[in-house]
Amino acid sequence: MARARSAAPPPEAILALTDADGRLAIRATPNARADAVMLPADGAARVLAVRTTATPEDGRANEAILALLAAALGRPRSALTLLRGATARDKLVRIKRQ
């Protein structure tokens, strides 16, 4: 039996975590049980949690994370750029304004 996908937070809630330049801080979890995009649990942290089932080999996890985020935002993958954190769990992504 396939596992049901959890709903991503609304795009407005994700965009509310960006700074004035459209940069978004992400805490990545590769090798997770399921793909998920989650808002911070407490109001103080401004870091979006993204979990992916992809392994962190050859950039697969980074691509999966950017694809998940693009889908949650309803934008093409090309609208996102990984600025920092290619080999780290803490990442910084720029989201192009529409």
PDB file of N, CA and C in Angstrom:
ATOM      1  N   MET A   1       0.838  -1.169   0.000  1.00  0.00           N
ATOM      2  CA  MET A   1       0.000   0.000   0.000  1.00  0.00           C
ATOM      3  C   MET A   1       0.888   1.239   0.000  1.00  0.00           C
ATOM      4  N   ALA A   2       0.614   2.157  -0.880  1.00  0.00           N
ATOM      5  CA  ALA A   2       1.414   3.373  -0.985  1.00  0.00           C
ATOM      6  C   ALA A   2       1.096   4.313   0.165  1.00  0.00           C
ATOM      7  N   ARG A   3       2.112   4.995   0.601  1.00  0.00           N
ATOM      8  CA  ARG A   3       1.951   5.955   1.685  1.00  0.00           C
ATOM      9  C   ARG A   3       1.403   7.265   1.123  1.00  0.00           C
ATOM     10  N   ALA A   4       0.425   7.826   1.777  1.00  0.00           N
ATOM     11  CA  ALA A   4      -0.175   9.085   1.334  1.00  0.00           C
ATOM     12  C   ALA A   4       0.816  10.223   1.521  1.00  0.00           C
ATOM     13  N   ARG A   5       0.858  11.107   0.554  1.00  0.00           N
ATOM     14  CA  ARG A   5       1.742  12.262   0.654  1.00  0.00           C
ATOM     15  C   ARG A   5       1.103  13.322   1.536  1.00  0.00           C
ATOM     16  N   SER A   6       1.929  13.933   2.365  1.00  0.00           N
ATOM     17  CA  SER A   6       1.411  15.000   3.210  1.00  0.00           C
ATOM     18  C   SER A   6       1.331  16.282   2.392  1.00  0.00           C
ATOM     19  N   ALA A   7       0.394  17.093   2.705  1.00  0.00           N
ATOM     20  CA  ALA A   7       0.208  18.351   1.990  1.00  0.00           C
ATOM     21  C   ALA A   7       1.313  19.327   2.377  1.00  0.00           C
ATOM     22  N   ALA A   8       1.817  20.033   1.398  1.00  0.00           N
ATOM     23  CA  ALA A   8       2.833  21.050   1.648  1.00  0.00           C
ATOM     24  C   ALA A   8       2.143  22.294   2.205  1.00  0.00           C
ATOM     25  N   PRO A   9       2.878  23.102   2.933  1.00  0.00           N
ATOM     26  CA  PRO A   9       2.282  24.351   3.420  1.00  0.00           C
ATOM     27  C   PRO A   9       1.936  25.267   2.243  1.00  0.00           C
ATOM     28  N   PRO A  10       1.050  26.197   2.443  1.00  0.00           N
ATOM     29  CA  PRO A  10       0.684  27.103   1.342  1.00  0.00           C
ATOM     30  C   PRO A  10       1.894  27.930   0.894  1.00  0.00           C
ATOM     31  N   PRO A  11       1.971  28.251  -0.390  1.00  0.00           N
ATOM     32  CA  PRO A  11       3.108  29.023  -0.899  1.00  0.00           C
ATOM     33  C   PRO A  11       3.321  30.343  -0.159  1.00  0.00           C
ATOM     34  N   GLU A  12       2.235  30.981   0.257  1.00  0.00           N
ATOM     35  CA  GLU A  12       2.358  32.257   0.971  1.00  0.00           C
ATOM     36  C   GLU A  12       3.110  32.083   2.285  1.00  0.00           C
ATOM     37  N   ALA A  13       2.873  30.973   2.974  1.00  0.00           N
ATOM     38  CA  ALA A  13       3.547  30.720   4.243  1.00  0.00           C
ATOM     39  C   ALA A  13       5.037  30.472   4.029  1.00  0.00           C
ATOM     40  N   ILE A  14       5.383  29.799   2.943  1.00  0.00           N
ATOM     41  CA  ILE A  14       6.799  29.561   2.640  1.00  0.00           C
ATOM     42  C   ILE A  14       7.467  30.878   2.258  1.00  0.00           C
ATOM     43  N   LEU A  15       6.820  31.658   1.404  1.00  0.00           N
ATOM     44  CA  LEU A  15       7.394  32.934   0.964  1.00  0.00           C
ATOM     45  C   LEU A  15       7.531  33.929   2.113  1.00  0.00           C
ATOM     46  N   ALA A  16       6.726  33.786   3.155  1.00  0.00           N
ATOM     47  CA  ALA A  16       6.829  34.670   4.318  1.00  0.00           C
ATOM     48  C   ALA A  16       8.148  34.461   5.063  1.00  0.00           C
ATOM     49  N   LEU A  17       8.805  33.325   4.841  1.00  0.00           N
ATOM     50  CA  LEU A  17      10.087  33.045   5.499  1.00  0.00           C
ATOM     51  C   LEU A  17      11.279  33.623   4.745  1.00  0.00           C
ATOM     52  N   THR A  18      11.061  34.163   3.540  1.00  0.00           N
ATOM     53  CA  THR A  18      12.162  34.714   2.752  1.00  0.00           C
ATOM     54  C   THR A  18      12.535  36.110   3.237  1.00  0.00           C
ATOM     55  N   ASP A  19      13.783  36.509   2.923  1.00  0.00           N
ATOM     56  CA  ASP A  19      14.200  37.865   3.257  1.00  0.00           C
ATOM     57  C   ASP A  19      13.855  38.793   2.091  1.00  0.00           C
ATOM     58  N   ALA A  20      14.289  40.035   2.164  1.00  0.00           N
ATOM     59  CA  ALA A  20      13.944  41.027   1.139  1.00  0.00           C
ATOM     60  C   ALA A  20      14.518  40.675  -0.226  1.00  0.00           C
ATOM     61  N   ASP A  21      15.599  39.893  -0.275  1.00  0.00           N
ATOM     62  CA  ASP A  21      16.229  39.510  -1.535  1.00  0.00           C
ATOM     63  C   ASP A  21      15.704  38.184  -2.073  1.00  0.00           C
ATOM     64  N   GLY A  22      14.692  37.603  -1.432  1.00  0.00           N
ATOM     65  CA  GLY A  22      14.115  36.354  -1.890  1.00  0.00           C
ATOM     66  C   GLY A  22      14.911  35.127  -1.490  1.00  0.00           C
ATOM     67  N   ARG A  23      15.744  35.252  -0.455  1.00  0.00           N
ATOM     68  CA  ARG A  23      16.541  34.114   0.013  1.00  0.00           C
ATOM     69  C   ARG A  23      15.800  33.383   1.121  1.00  0.00           C
ATOM     70  N   LEU A  24      15.879  32.058   1.073  1.00  0.00           N
ATOM     71  CA  LEU A  24      15.176  31.191   2.016  1.00  0.00           C
ATOM     72  C   LEU A  24      16.167  30.220   2.645  1.00  0.00           C
ATOM     73  N   ALA A  25      16.200  30.168   3.976  1.00  0.00           N
ATOM     74  CA  ALA A  25      17.049  29.218   4.693  1.00  0.00           C
ATOM     75  C   ALA A  25      16.312  27.893   4.811  1.00  0.00           C
ATOM     76  N   ILE A  26      17.035  26.810   4.537  1.00  0.00           N
ATOM     77  CA  ILE A  26      16.456  25.469   4.556  1.00  0.00           C
ATOM     78  C   ILE A  26      17.315  24.561   5.409  1.00  0.00           C
ATOM     79  N   ARG A  27      16.671  23.694   6.173  1.00  0.00           N
ATOM     80  CA  ARG A  27      17.343  22.620   6.911  1.00  0.00           C
ATOM     81  C   ARG A  27      16.939  21.329   6.212  1.00  0.00           C
ATOM     82  N   ALA A  28      17.894  20.675   5.555  1.00  0.00           N
ATOM     83  CA  ALA A  28      17.613  19.491   4.744  1.00  0.00           C
ATOM     84  C   ALA A  28      17.828  18.211   5.533  1.00  0.00           C
ATOM     85  N   THR A  29      16.996  17.227   5.246  1.00  0.00           N
ATOM     86  CA  THR A  29      17.145  15.881   5.808  1.00  0.00           C
ATOM     87  C   THR A  29      17.069  14.890   4.653  1.00  0.00           C
ATOM     88  N   PRO A  30      18.235  14.415   4.184  1.00  0.00           N
ATOM     89  CA  PRO A  30      18.221  13.388   3.142  1.00  0.00           C
ATOM     90  C   PRO A  30      17.951  12.016   3.747  1.00  0.00           C
ATOM     91  N   ASN A  31      17.674  11.038   2.902  1.00  0.00           N
ATOM     92  CA  ASN A  31      17.401   9.663   3.342  1.00  0.00           C
ATOM     93  C   ASN A  31      16.218   9.571   4.303  1.00  0.00           C
ATOM     94  N   ALA A  32      15.254  10.436   4.161  1.00  0.00           N
ATOM     95  CA  ALA A  32      14.074  10.421   5.030  1.00  0.00           C
ATOM     96  C   ALA A  32      13.111   9.327   4.573  1.00  0.00           C
ATOM     97  N   ARG A  33      12.155   9.009   5.405  1.00  0.00           N
ATOM     98  CA  ARG A  33      11.141   7.996   5.049  1.00  0.00           C
ATOM     99  C   ARG A  33      10.214   8.487   3.950  1.00  0.00           C
ATOM    100  N   ALA A  34       9.937   9.788   3.942  1.00  0.00           N
ATOM    101  CA  ALA A  34       9.019  10.354   2.955  1.00  0.00           C
ATOM    102  C   ALA A  34       9.442  11.778   2.631  1.00  0.00           C
ATOM    103  N   ASP A  35       9.090  12.234   1.444  1.00  0.00           N
ATOM    104  CA  ASP A  35       9.348  13.612   1.055  1.00  0.00           C
ATOM    105  C   ASP A  35       8.367  14.526   1.785  1.00  0.00           C
ATOM    106  N   ALA A  36       8.872  15.646   2.306  1.00  0.00           N
ATOM    107  CA  ALA A  36       7.996  16.581   3.018  1.00  0.00           C
ATOM    108  C   ALA A  36       8.623  17.967   3.060  1.00  0.00           C
ATOM    109  N   VAL A  37       7.770  18.980   3.042  1.00  0.00           N
ATOM    110  CA  VAL A  37       8.162  20.376   3.247  1.00  0.00           C
ATOM    111  C   VAL A  37       7.384  20.849   4.456  1.00  0.00           C
ATOM    112  N   MET A  38       8.100  21.309   5.496  1.00  0.00           N
ATOM    113  CA  MET A  38       7.438  21.655   6.755  1.00  0.00           C
ATOM    114  C   MET A  38       7.865  23.033   7.241  1.00  0.00           C
ATOM    115  N   LEU A  39       6.886  23.781   7.711  1.00  0.00           N
ATOM    116  CA  LEU A  39       7.165  25.081   8.314  1.00  0.00           C
ATOM    117  C   LEU A  39       7.826  24.877   9.671  1.00  0.00           C
ATOM    118  N   PRO A  40       8.542  25.891  10.164  1.00  0.00           N
ATOM    119  CA  PRO A  40       9.150  25.768  11.497  1.00  0.00           C
ATOM    120  C   PRO A  40       8.084  25.554  12.562  1.00  0.00           C
ATOM    121  N   ALA A  41       8.426  24.734  13.547  1.00  0.00           N
ATOM    122  CA  ALA A  41       7.474  24.433  14.619  1.00  0.00           C
ATOM    123  C   ALA A  41       7.241  25.643  15.520  1.00  0.00           C
ATOM    124  N   ASP A  42       8.288  26.393  15.790  1.00  0.00           N
ATOM    125  CA  ASP A  42       8.139  27.578  16.646  1.00  0.00           C
ATOM    126  C   ASP A  42       8.224  28.831  15.783  1.00  0.00           C
ATOM    127  N   GLY A  43       7.670  29.891  16.251  1.00  0.00           N
ATOM    128  CA  GLY A  43       7.644  31.134  15.494  1.00  0.00           C
ATOM    129  C   GLY A  43       8.977  31.829  15.396  1.00  0.00           C
ATOM    130  N   ALA A  44       9.940  31.487  16.259  1.00  0.00           N
ATOM    131  CA  ALA A  44      11.216  32.185  16.287  1.00  0.00           C
ATOM    132  C   ALA A  44      12.117  31.777  15.124  1.00  0.00           C
ATOM    133  N   ALA A  45      12.144  30.503  14.785  1.00  0.00           N
ATOM    134  CA  ALA A  45      13.016  30.021  13.718  1.00  0.00           C
ATOM    135  C   ALA A  45      12.428  30.381  12.361  1.00  0.00           C
ATOM    136  N   ARG A  46      13.264  30.834  11.464  1.00  0.00           N
ATOM    137  CA  ARG A  46      12.828  31.176  10.111  1.00  0.00           C
ATOM    138  C   ARG A  46      13.489  30.252   9.110  1.00  0.00           C
ATOM    139  N   VAL A  47      13.543  28.953   9.468  1.00  0.00           N
ATOM    140  CA  VAL A  47      14.185  27.951   8.626  1.00  0.00           C
ATOM    141  C   VAL A  47      13.147  26.910   8.217  1.00  0.00           C
ATOM    142  N   LEU A  48      13.009  26.700   6.931  1.00  0.00           N
ATOM    143  CA  LEU A  48      12.075  25.722   6.394  1.00  0.00           C
ATOM    144  C   LEU A  48      12.735  24.345   6.435  1.00  0.00           C
ATOM    145  N   ALA A  49      12.015  23.352   6.910  1.00  0.00           N
ATOM    146  CA  ALA A  49      12.533  21.980   6.947  1.00  0.00           C
ATOM    147  C   ALA A  49      12.057  21.245   5.701  1.00  0.00           C
ATOM    148  N   VAL A  50      13.000  20.614   5.004  1.00  0.00           N
ATOM    149  CA  VAL A  50      12.669  19.840   3.809  1.00  0.00           C
ATOM    150  C   VAL A  50      13.285  18.462   3.963  1.00  0.00           C
ATOM    151  N   ARG A  51      12.447  17.450   3.867  1.00  0.00           N
ATOM    152  CA  ARG A  51      12.905  16.057   3.954  1.00  0.00           C
ATOM    153  C   ARG A  51      12.742  15.408   2.592  1.00  0.00           C
ATOM    154  N   THR A  52      13.747  14.605   2.227  1.00  0.00           N
ATOM    155  CA  THR A  52      13.692  13.909   0.951  1.00  0.00           C
ATOM    156  C   THR A  52      14.183  12.477   1.102  1.00  0.00           C
ATOM    157  N   THR A  53      13.639  11.607   0.296  1.00  0.00           N
ATOM    158  CA  THR A  53      14.059  10.208   0.317  1.00  0.00           C
ATOM    159  C   THR A  53      15.343  10.012  -0.483  1.00  0.00           C
ATOM    160  N   ALA A  54      15.774  11.014  -1.225  1.00  0.00           N
ATOM    161  CA  ALA A  54      16.979  10.911  -2.042  1.00  0.00           C
ATOM    162  C   ALA A  54      18.228  10.851  -1.172  1.00  0.00           C
ATOM    163  N   THR A  55      19.239  10.168  -1.690  1.00  0.00           N
ATOM    164  CA  THR A  55      20.512  10.074  -0.977  1.00  0.00           C
ATOM    165  C   THR A  55      21.392  11.269  -1.329  1.00  0.00           C
ATOM    166  N   PRO A  56      22.250  11.679  -0.410  1.00  0.00           N
ATOM    167  CA  PRO A  56      23.114  12.843  -0.679  1.00  0.00           C
ATOM    168  C   PRO A  56      24.354  12.463  -1.499  1.00  0.00           C
ATOM    169  N   GLU A  57      24.152  11.828  -2.630  1.00  0.00           N
ATOM    170  CA  GLU A  57      25.247  11.426  -3.510  1.00  0.00           C
ATOM    171  C   GLU A  57      25.100  12.117  -4.852  1.00  0.00           C
ATOM    172  N   ASP A  58      26.177  12.701  -5.325  1.00  0.00           N
ATOM    173  CA  ASP A  58      26.203  13.344  -6.643  1.00  0.00           C
ATOM    174  C   ASP A  58      25.133  14.412  -6.806  1.00  0.00           C
ATOM    175  N   GLY A  59      24.755  15.090  -5.740  1.00  0.00           N
ATOM    176  CA  GLY A  59      23.787  16.172  -5.805  1.00  0.00           C
ATOM    177  C   GLY A  59      22.340  15.737  -5.939  1.00  0.00           C
ATOM    178  N   ARG A  60      22.060  14.434  -5.783  1.00  0.00           N
ATOM    179  CA  ARG A  60      20.673  13.954  -5.923  1.00  0.00           C
ATOM    180  C   ARG A  60      19.749  14.566  -4.878  1.00  0.00           C
ATOM    181  N   ALA A  61      20.204  14.646  -3.645  1.00  0.00           N
ATOM    182  CA  ALA A  61      19.364  15.210  -2.583  1.00  0.00           C
ATOM    183  C   ALA A  61      19.093  16.693  -2.825  1.00  0.00           C
ATOM    184  N   ASN A  62      20.102  17.432  -3.265  1.00  0.00           N
ATOM    185  CA  ASN A  62      19.906  18.861  -3.549  1.00  0.00           C
ATOM    186  C   ASN A  62      18.864  19.060  -4.641  1.00  0.00           C
ATOM    187  N   GLU A  63      18.946  18.276  -5.704  1.00  0.00           N
ATOM    188  CA  GLU A  63      17.978  18.395  -6.793  1.00  0.00           C
ATOM    189  C   GLU A  63      16.576  18.012  -6.318  1.00  0.00           C
ATOM    190  N   ALA A  64      16.490  16.976  -5.500  1.00  0.00           N
ATOM    191  CA  ALA A  64      15.187  16.557  -4.980  1.00  0.00           C
ATOM    192  C   ALA A  64      14.598  17.631  -4.077  1.00  0.00           C
ATOM    193  N   ILE A  65      15.427  18.250  -3.255  1.00  0.00           N
ATOM    194  CA  ILE A  65      14.968  19.308  -2.357  1.00  0.00           C
ATOM    195  C   ILE A  65      14.460  20.506  -3.158  1.00  0.00           C
ATOM    196  N   LEU A  66      15.202  20.898  -4.175  1.00  0.00           N
ATOM    197  CA  LEU A  66      14.774  22.035  -4.998  1.00  0.00           C
ATOM    198  C   LEU A  66      13.498  21.705  -5.771  1.00  0.00           C
ATOM    199  N   ALA A  67      13.366  20.467  -6.226  1.00  0.00           N
ATOM    200  CA  ALA A  67      12.145  20.064  -6.933  1.00  0.00           C
ATOM    201  C   ALA A  67      10.940  20.058  -5.988  1.00  0.00           C
ATOM    202  N   LEU A  68      11.127  19.570  -4.766  1.00  0.00           N
ATOM    203  CA  LEU A  68      10.041  19.586  -3.778  1.00  0.00           C
ATOM    204  C   LEU A  68       9.613  21.014  -3.453  1.00  0.00           C
ATOM    205  N   LEU A  69      10.601  21.877  -3.258  1.00  0.00           N
ATOM    206  CA  LEU A  69      10.301  23.269  -2.929  1.00  0.00           C
ATOM    207  C   LEU A  69       9.592  23.957  -4.093  1.00  0.00           C
ATOM    208  N   ALA A  70      10.050  23.709  -5.315  1.00  0.00           N
ATOM    209  CA  ALA A  70       9.404  24.300  -6.492  1.00  0.00           C
ATOM    210  C   ALA A  70       7.951  23.840  -6.595  1.00  0.00           C
ATOM    211  N   ALA A  71       7.710  22.558  -6.347  1.00  0.00           N
ATOM    212  CA  ALA A  71       6.339  22.037  -6.395  1.00  0.00           C
ATOM    213  C   ALA A  71       5.473  22.667  -5.308  1.00  0.00           C
ATOM    214  N   ALA A  72       6.036  22.830  -4.115  1.00  0.00           N
ATOM    215  CA  ALA A  72       5.279  23.433  -3.005  1.00  0.00           C
ATOM    216  C   ALA A  72       4.935  24.892  -3.298  1.00  0.00           C
ATOM    217  N   LEU A  73       5.820  25.562  -4.026  1.00  0.00           N
ATOM    218  CA  LEU A  73       5.590  26.964  -4.366  1.00  0.00           C
ATOM    219  C   LEU A  73       4.770  27.132  -5.643  1.00  0.00           C
ATOM    220  N   GLY A  74       4.601  26.063  -6.400  1.00  0.00           N
ATOM    221  CA  GLY A  74       3.883  26.148  -7.663  1.00  0.00           C
ATOM    222  C   GLY A  74       4.663  26.902  -8.718  1.00  0.00           C
ATOM    223  N   ARG A  75       5.982  26.765  -8.672  1.00  0.00           N
ATOM    224  CA  ARG A  75       6.857  27.448  -9.621  1.00  0.00           C
ATOM    225  C   ARG A  75       7.745  26.428 -10.322  1.00  0.00           C
ATOM    226  N   PRO A  76       8.345  26.804 -11.443  1.00  0.00           N
ATOM    227  CA  PRO A  76       9.261  25.871 -12.105  1.00  0.00           C
ATOM    228  C   PRO A  76      10.557  25.732 -11.314  1.00  0.00           C
ATOM    229  N   ARG A  77      11.223  24.626 -11.492  1.00  0.00           N
ATOM    230  CA  ARG A  77      12.491  24.369 -10.803  1.00  0.00           C
ATOM    231  C   ARG A  77      13.522  25.445 -11.158  1.00  0.00           C
ATOM    232  N   SER A  78      13.446  25.992 -12.358  1.00  0.00           N
ATOM    233  CA  SER A  78      14.394  27.007 -12.808  1.00  0.00           C
ATOM    234  C   SER A  78      14.266  28.322 -12.041  1.00  0.00           C
ATOM    235  N   ALA A  79      13.196  28.499 -11.269  1.00  0.00           N
ATOM    236  CA  ALA A  79      13.002  29.712 -10.474  1.00  0.00           C
ATOM    237  C   ALA A  79      13.783  29.670  -9.168  1.00  0.00           C
ATOM    238  N   LEU A  80      14.438  28.541  -8.869  1.00  0.00           N
ATOM    239  CA  LEU A  80      15.179  28.372  -7.619  1.00  0.00           C
ATOM    240  C   LEU A  80      16.659  28.194  -7.902  1.00  0.00           C
ATOM    241  N   THR A  81      17.492  28.826  -7.058  1.00  0.00           N
ATOM    242  CA  THR A  81      18.934  28.707  -7.178  1.00  0.00           C
ATOM    243  C   THR A  81      19.517  28.387  -5.816  1.00  0.00           C
ATOM    244  N   LEU A  82      20.342  27.341  -5.753  1.00  0.00           N
ATOM    245  CA  LEU A  82      21.032  27.000  -4.514  1.00  0.00           C
ATOM    246  C   LEU A  82      22.234  27.926  -4.384  1.00  0.00           C
ATOM    247  N   LEU A  83      22.206  28.800  -3.375  1.00  0.00           N
ATOM    248  CA  LEU A  83      23.286  29.769  -3.181  1.00  0.00           C
ATOM    249  C   LEU A  83      24.403  29.224  -2.300  1.00  0.00           C
ATOM    250  N   ARG A  84      24.017  28.465  -1.279  1.00  0.00           N
ATOM    251  CA  ARG A  84      25.011  27.996  -0.310  1.00  0.00           C
ATOM    252  C   ARG A  84      24.537  26.687   0.295  1.00  0.00           C
ATOM    253  N   GLY A  85      25.489  25.808   0.615  1.00  0.00           N
ATOM    254  CA  GLY A  85      25.159  24.587   1.329  1.00  0.00           C
ATOM    255  C   GLY A  85      25.033  23.357   0.469  1.00  0.00           C
ATOM    256  N   ALA A  86      25.766  23.283  -0.635  1.00  0.00           N
ATOM    257  CA  ALA A  86      25.663  22.127  -1.528  1.00  0.00           C
ATOM    258  C   ALA A  86      26.023  20.824  -0.825  1.00  0.00           C
ATOM    259  N   THR A  87      26.928  20.872   0.144  1.00  0.00           N
ATOM    260  CA  THR A  87      27.327  19.652   0.850  1.00  0.00           C
ATOM    261  C   THR A  87      26.946  19.686   2.325  1.00  0.00           C
ATOM    262  N   ALA A  88      26.108  20.628   2.707  1.00  0.00           N
ATOM    263  CA  ALA A  88      25.706  20.767   4.111  1.00  0.00           C
ATOM    264  C   ALA A  88      24.197  20.584   4.249  1.00  0.00           C
ATOM    265  N   ARG A  89      23.751  20.352   5.473  1.00  0.00           N
ATOM    266  CA  ARG A  89      22.306  20.233   5.723  1.00  0.00           C
ATOM    267  C   ARG A  89      21.625  21.592   5.727  1.00  0.00           C
ATOM    268  N   ASP A  90      22.346  22.625   6.137  1.00  0.00           N
ATOM    269  CA  ASP A  90      21.798  23.986   6.130  1.00  0.00           C
ATOM    270  C   ASP A  90      22.090  24.620   4.783  1.00  0.00           C
ATOM    271  N   LYS A  91      21.043  25.021   4.094  1.00  0.00           N
ATOM    272  CA  LYS A  91      21.162  25.535   2.733  1.00  0.00           C
ATOM    273  C   LYS A  91      20.524  26.910   2.621  1.00  0.00           C
ATOM    274  N   LEU A  92      20.943  27.652   1.621  1.00  0.00           N
ATOM    275  CA  LEU A  92      20.344  28.946   1.320  1.00  0.00           C
ATOM    276  C   LEU A  92      19.935  28.927  -0.145  1.00  0.00           C
ATOM    277  N   VAL A  93      18.663  29.204  -0.397  1.00  0.00           N
ATOM    278  CA  VAL A  93      18.101  29.148  -1.744  1.00  0.00           C
ATOM    279  C   VAL A  93      17.521  30.514  -2.089  1.00  0.00           C
ATOM    280  N   ARG A  94      17.760  30.949  -3.331  1.00  0.00           N
ATOM    281  CA  ARG A  94      17.132  32.182  -3.811  1.00  0.00           C
ATOM    282  C   ARG A  94      15.934  31.801  -4.668  1.00  0.00           C
ATOM    283  N   ILE A  95      14.813  32.474  -4.400  1.00  0.00           N
ATOM    284  CA  ILE A  95      13.585  32.266  -5.161  1.00  0.00           C
ATOM    285  C   ILE A  95      13.364  33.507  -6.012  1.00  0.00           C
ATOM    286  N   LYS A  96      13.316  33.312  -7.332  1.00  0.00           N
ATOM    287  CA  LYS A  96      13.076  34.451  -8.229  1.00  0.00           C
ATOM    288  C   LYS A  96      11.672  34.965  -8.024  1.00  0.00           C
ATOM    289  N   ARG A  97      11.543  36.272  -7.993  1.00  0.00           N
ATOM    290  CA  ARG A  97      10.219  36.901  -7.870  1.00  0.00           C
ATOM    291  C   ARG A  97       9.486  36.765  -9.193  1.00  0.00           C
ATOM    292  N   GLN A  98       8.186  36.642  -9.133  1.00  0.00           N
ATOM    293  CA  GLN A  98       7.396  36.513 -10.358  1.00  0.00           C
ATOM    294  C   GLN A  98       7.174  37.839 -11.000  1.00  0.00           C
TER     295      GLN A  98
END
